[in-house]
Amino acid sequence: MTRQAKSQATSRAPEPGSRFAPGETVRVAERPALGHCRTPWYLRGKTGVVASVQGIFRNPEQLAYHQPGLPKRVLYKVRFEQAAIWDDYRGPAGDHLEADIYEHWLEPASRSAPDLEKAR
């Protein structure tokens, strides 16, 4: 079994109240972040596919400032094609990166038509 097949085989079902499900295409919000942020800058504005729903956790962006981190947020594992992240990527076409992204940083990919064209 390939690594990708293993990853897909372990995908969890959506959490009750989660906005996205495994297999859905999402876009990482492209907005500035002041202070502590768990979303990598190089993924902002990029399109990926939800690989799995990790669960519901307190918001680490608030926890970093000694706040309660509530309401809890859904955490997703999102898979990005390397070539869609890095303009000059020269590795194999199937290479991907997976990152844990909280729901408040994700939006439906239908909002990002220009980025979808760029990723092709």
C-alpha atoms as a PDB file:
ATOM      1  CA  MET A   1       0.000   0.000   0.000  1.00  0.00           C
ATOM      2  CA  THR A   2       1.396   3.419  -0.931  1.00  0.00           C
ATOM      3  CA  ARG A   3       1.763   6.226   1.600  1.00  0.00           C
ATOM      4  CA  GLN A   4      -1.058   8.105  -0.105  1.00  0.00           C
ATOM      5  CA  ALA A   5      -3.352   5.071   0.060  1.00  0.00           C
ATOM      6  CA  LYS A   6      -2.514   4.587   3.752  1.00  0.00           C
ATOM      7  CA  SER A   7      -3.249   8.237   4.450  1.00  0.00           C
ATOM      8  CA  GLN A   8      -6.567   8.040   2.642  1.00  0.00           C
ATOM      9  CA  ALA A   9      -7.449   4.770   4.374  1.00  0.00           C
ATOM     10  CA  THR A  10      -7.033   6.397   7.789  1.00  0.00           C
ATOM     11  CA  SER A  11      -9.230   9.407   6.991  1.00  0.00           C
ATOM     12  CA  ARG A  12     -11.667  10.030   9.784  1.00  0.00           C
ATOM     13  CA  ALA A  13     -15.325  10.750   9.283  1.00  0.00           C
ATOM     14  CA  PRO A  14     -16.409  14.359   9.720  1.00  0.00           C
ATOM     15  CA  GLU A  15     -16.915  15.551  13.274  1.00  0.00           C
ATOM     16  CA  PRO A  16     -20.456  16.654  14.079  1.00  0.00           C
ATOM     17  CA  GLY A  17     -20.611  20.328  13.189  1.00  0.00           C
ATOM     18  CA  SER A  18     -17.555  20.257  10.927  1.00  0.00           C
ATOM     19  CA  ARG A  19     -17.849  22.378   7.815  1.00  0.00           C
ATOM     20  CA  PHE A  20     -15.722  20.224   5.489  1.00  0.00           C
ATOM     21  CA  ALA A  21     -15.418  16.483   4.862  1.00  0.00           C
ATOM     22  CA  PRO A  22     -12.514  14.340   3.623  1.00  0.00           C
ATOM     23  CA  GLY A  23     -12.156  14.689  -0.131  1.00  0.00           C
ATOM     24  CA  GLU A  24     -13.447  18.286  -0.274  1.00  0.00           C
ATOM     25  CA  THR A  25     -11.306  20.930  -1.947  1.00  0.00           C
ATOM     26  CA  VAL A  26     -10.614  23.916   0.293  1.00  0.00           C
ATOM     27  CA  ARG A  27      -8.628  27.119   0.141  1.00  0.00           C
ATOM     28  CA  VAL A  28      -6.552  28.513   2.986  1.00  0.00           C
ATOM     29  CA  ALA A  29      -7.635  32.072   3.753  1.00  0.00           C
ATOM     30  CA  GLU A  30      -5.172  34.677   2.586  1.00  0.00           C
ATOM     31  CA  ARG A  31      -5.145  37.204   5.386  1.00  0.00           C
ATOM     32  CA  PRO A  32      -2.536  38.731   7.639  1.00  0.00           C
ATOM     33  CA  ALA A  33      -2.072  37.324  11.093  1.00  0.00           C
ATOM     34  CA  LEU A  34      -0.918  39.370  14.018  1.00  0.00           C
ATOM     35  CA  GLY A  35       0.695  37.478  16.833  1.00  0.00           C
ATOM     36  CA  HIS A  36       0.660  33.709  17.210  1.00  0.00           C
ATOM     37  CA  CYS A  37      -0.716  31.818  14.211  1.00  0.00           C
ATOM     38  CA  ARG A  38      -0.705  28.073  13.483  1.00  0.00           C
ATOM     39  CA  THR A  39      -1.298  28.448   9.716  1.00  0.00           C
ATOM     40  CA  PRO A  40       1.936  28.517   7.679  1.00  0.00           C
ATOM     41  CA  TRP A  41       2.335  31.702   5.627  1.00  0.00           C
ATOM     42  CA  TYR A  42       3.342  29.729   2.512  1.00  0.00           C
ATOM     43  CA  LEU A  43      -0.027  27.929   2.475  1.00  0.00           C
ATOM     44  CA  ARG A  44      -2.179  31.057   2.668  1.00  0.00           C
ATOM     45  CA  GLY A  45      -4.190  31.443  -0.518  1.00  0.00           C
ATOM     46  CA  LYS A  46      -3.342  27.884  -1.619  1.00  0.00           C
ATOM     47  CA  THR A  47      -5.850  25.192  -2.532  1.00  0.00           C
ATOM     48  CA  GLY A  48      -5.753  21.676  -1.106  1.00  0.00           C
ATOM     49  CA  VAL A  49      -7.925  18.665  -0.345  1.00  0.00           C
ATOM     50  CA  VAL A  50      -9.154  17.666   3.117  1.00  0.00           C
ATOM     51  CA  ALA A  51      -7.389  14.387   3.900  1.00  0.00           C
ATOM     52  CA  SER A  52      -9.026  13.880   7.293  1.00  0.00           C
ATOM     53  CA  VAL A  53     -10.829  15.538  10.164  1.00  0.00           C
ATOM     54  CA  GLN A  54      -8.501  15.421  13.172  1.00  0.00           C
ATOM     55  CA  GLY A  55     -11.023  16.371  15.834  1.00  0.00           C
ATOM     56  CA  ILE A  56     -12.160  19.403  17.813  1.00  0.00           C
ATOM     57  CA  PHE A  57      -9.655  21.281  19.957  1.00  0.00           C
ATOM     58  CA  ARG A  58      -9.251  24.535  21.836  1.00  0.00           C
ATOM     59  CA  ASN A  59      -7.926  27.303  19.585  1.00  0.00           C
ATOM     60  CA  PRO A  60      -4.121  27.465  20.014  1.00  0.00           C
ATOM     61  CA  GLU A  61      -4.027  31.016  18.648  1.00  0.00           C
ATOM     62  CA  GLN A  62      -5.918  32.097  21.768  1.00  0.00           C
ATOM     63  CA  LEU A  63      -4.234  29.642  24.131  1.00  0.00           C
ATOM     64  CA  ALA A  64      -0.891  31.270  23.286  1.00  0.00           C
ATOM     65  CA  TYR A  65      -2.195  34.413  25.006  1.00  0.00           C
ATOM     66  CA  HIS A  66      -3.540  32.626  28.101  1.00  0.00           C
ATOM     67  CA  GLN A  67      -7.135  32.787  26.885  1.00  0.00           C
ATOM     68  CA  PRO A  68      -9.436  29.753  27.155  1.00  0.00           C
ATOM     69  CA  GLY A  69      -9.327  28.950  23.403  1.00  0.00           C
ATOM     70  CA  LEU A  70     -13.087  28.734  23.160  1.00  0.00           C
ATOM     71  CA  PRO A  71     -15.119  28.016  21.220  1.00  0.00           C
ATOM     72  CA  LYS A  72     -13.257  24.877  20.242  1.00  0.00           C
ATOM     73  CA  ARG A  73     -12.304  24.607  16.564  1.00  0.00           C
ATOM     74  CA  VAL A  74     -12.329  21.718  14.104  1.00  0.00           C
ATOM     75  CA  LEU A  75      -8.837  20.720  12.964  1.00  0.00           C
ATOM     76  CA  TYR A  76      -8.291  19.254   9.487  1.00  0.00           C
ATOM     77  CA  LYS A  77      -5.371  17.544   7.810  1.00  0.00           C
ATOM     78  CA  VAL A  78      -5.188  19.189   4.366  1.00  0.00           C
ATOM     79  CA  ARG A  79      -3.142  17.772   1.467  1.00  0.00           C
ATOM     80  CA  PHE A  80      -1.449  20.184  -0.946  1.00  0.00           C
ATOM     81  CA  GLU A  81       0.320  19.290  -4.187  1.00  0.00           C
ATOM     82  CA  GLN A  82       3.919  20.508  -3.902  1.00  0.00           C
ATOM     83  CA  ALA A  83       3.801  22.073  -7.374  1.00  0.00           C
ATOM     84  CA  ALA A  84       0.811  24.182  -6.291  1.00  0.00           C
ATOM     85  CA  ILE A  85       2.791  25.547  -3.328  1.00  0.00           C
ATOM     86  CA  TRP A  86       6.198  26.212  -4.851  1.00  0.00           C
ATOM     87  CA  ASP A  87       6.437  27.917  -8.260  1.00  0.00           C
ATOM     88  CA  ASP A  88       9.753  26.260  -9.137  1.00  0.00           C
ATOM     89  CA  TYR A  89       9.078  22.793  -7.684  1.00  0.00           C
ATOM     90  CA  ARG A  90      10.923  20.169  -9.720  1.00  0.00           C
ATOM     91  CA  GLY A  91      10.128  17.002  -7.795  1.00  0.00           C
ATOM     92  CA  PRO A  92       7.834  14.166  -8.864  1.00  0.00           C
ATOM     93  CA  ALA A  93       4.309  15.222  -9.859  1.00  0.00           C
ATOM     94  CA  GLY A  94       2.694  13.161  -7.082  1.00  0.00           C
ATOM     95  CA  ASP A  95       4.615  14.806  -4.237  1.00  0.00           C
ATOM     96  CA  HIS A  96       2.414  16.452  -1.657  1.00  0.00           C
ATOM     97  CA  LEU A  97       2.554  18.131   1.725  1.00  0.00           C
ATOM     98  CA  GLU A  98       0.033  17.622   4.512  1.00  0.00           C
ATOM     99  CA  ALA A  99      -0.636  20.295   7.108  1.00  0.00           C
ATOM    100  CA  ASP A 100      -3.001  20.582  10.043  1.00  0.00           C
ATOM    101  CA  ILE A 101      -5.213  23.635   9.487  1.00  0.00           C
ATOM    102  CA  TYR A 102      -7.993  24.876  11.775  1.00  0.00           C
ATOM    103  CA  GLU A 103     -11.428  25.427  10.263  1.00  0.00           C
ATOM    104  CA  HIS A 104     -11.462  29.204  10.737  1.00  0.00           C
ATOM    105  CA  TRP A 105      -8.566  29.397   8.250  1.00  0.00           C
ATOM    106  CA  LEU A 106     -10.380  27.393   5.551  1.00  0.00           C
ATOM    107  CA  GLU A 107     -12.971  28.388   2.980  1.00  0.00           C
ATOM    108  CA  PRO A 108     -14.663  26.546   0.114  1.00  0.00           C
ATOM    109  CA  ALA A 109     -12.368  26.315  -2.919  1.00  0.00           C
ATOM    110  CA  SER A 110     -15.125  27.732  -5.142  1.00  0.00           C
ATOM    111  CA  ARG A 111     -14.133  31.156  -3.779  1.00  0.00           C
ATOM    112  CA  SER A 112     -10.633  30.808  -5.202  1.00  0.00           C
ATOM    113  CA  ALA A 113     -11.019  30.386  -8.983  1.00  0.00           C
ATOM    114  CA  PRO A 114      -7.792  32.354  -9.766  1.00  0.00           C
ATOM    115  CA  ASP A 115      -5.768  30.137  -7.416  1.00  0.00           C
ATOM    116  CA  LEU A 116      -7.270  26.968  -8.904  1.00  0.00           C
ATOM    117  CA  GLU A 117      -6.079  28.056 -12.351  1.00  0.00           C
ATOM    118  CA  LYS A 118      -2.627  28.785 -10.952  1.00  0.00           C
ATOM    119  CA  ALA A 119      -2.433  25.309  -9.380  1.00  0.00           C
ATOM    120  CA  ARG A 120      -3.026  23.533 -12.703  1.00  0.00           C
END
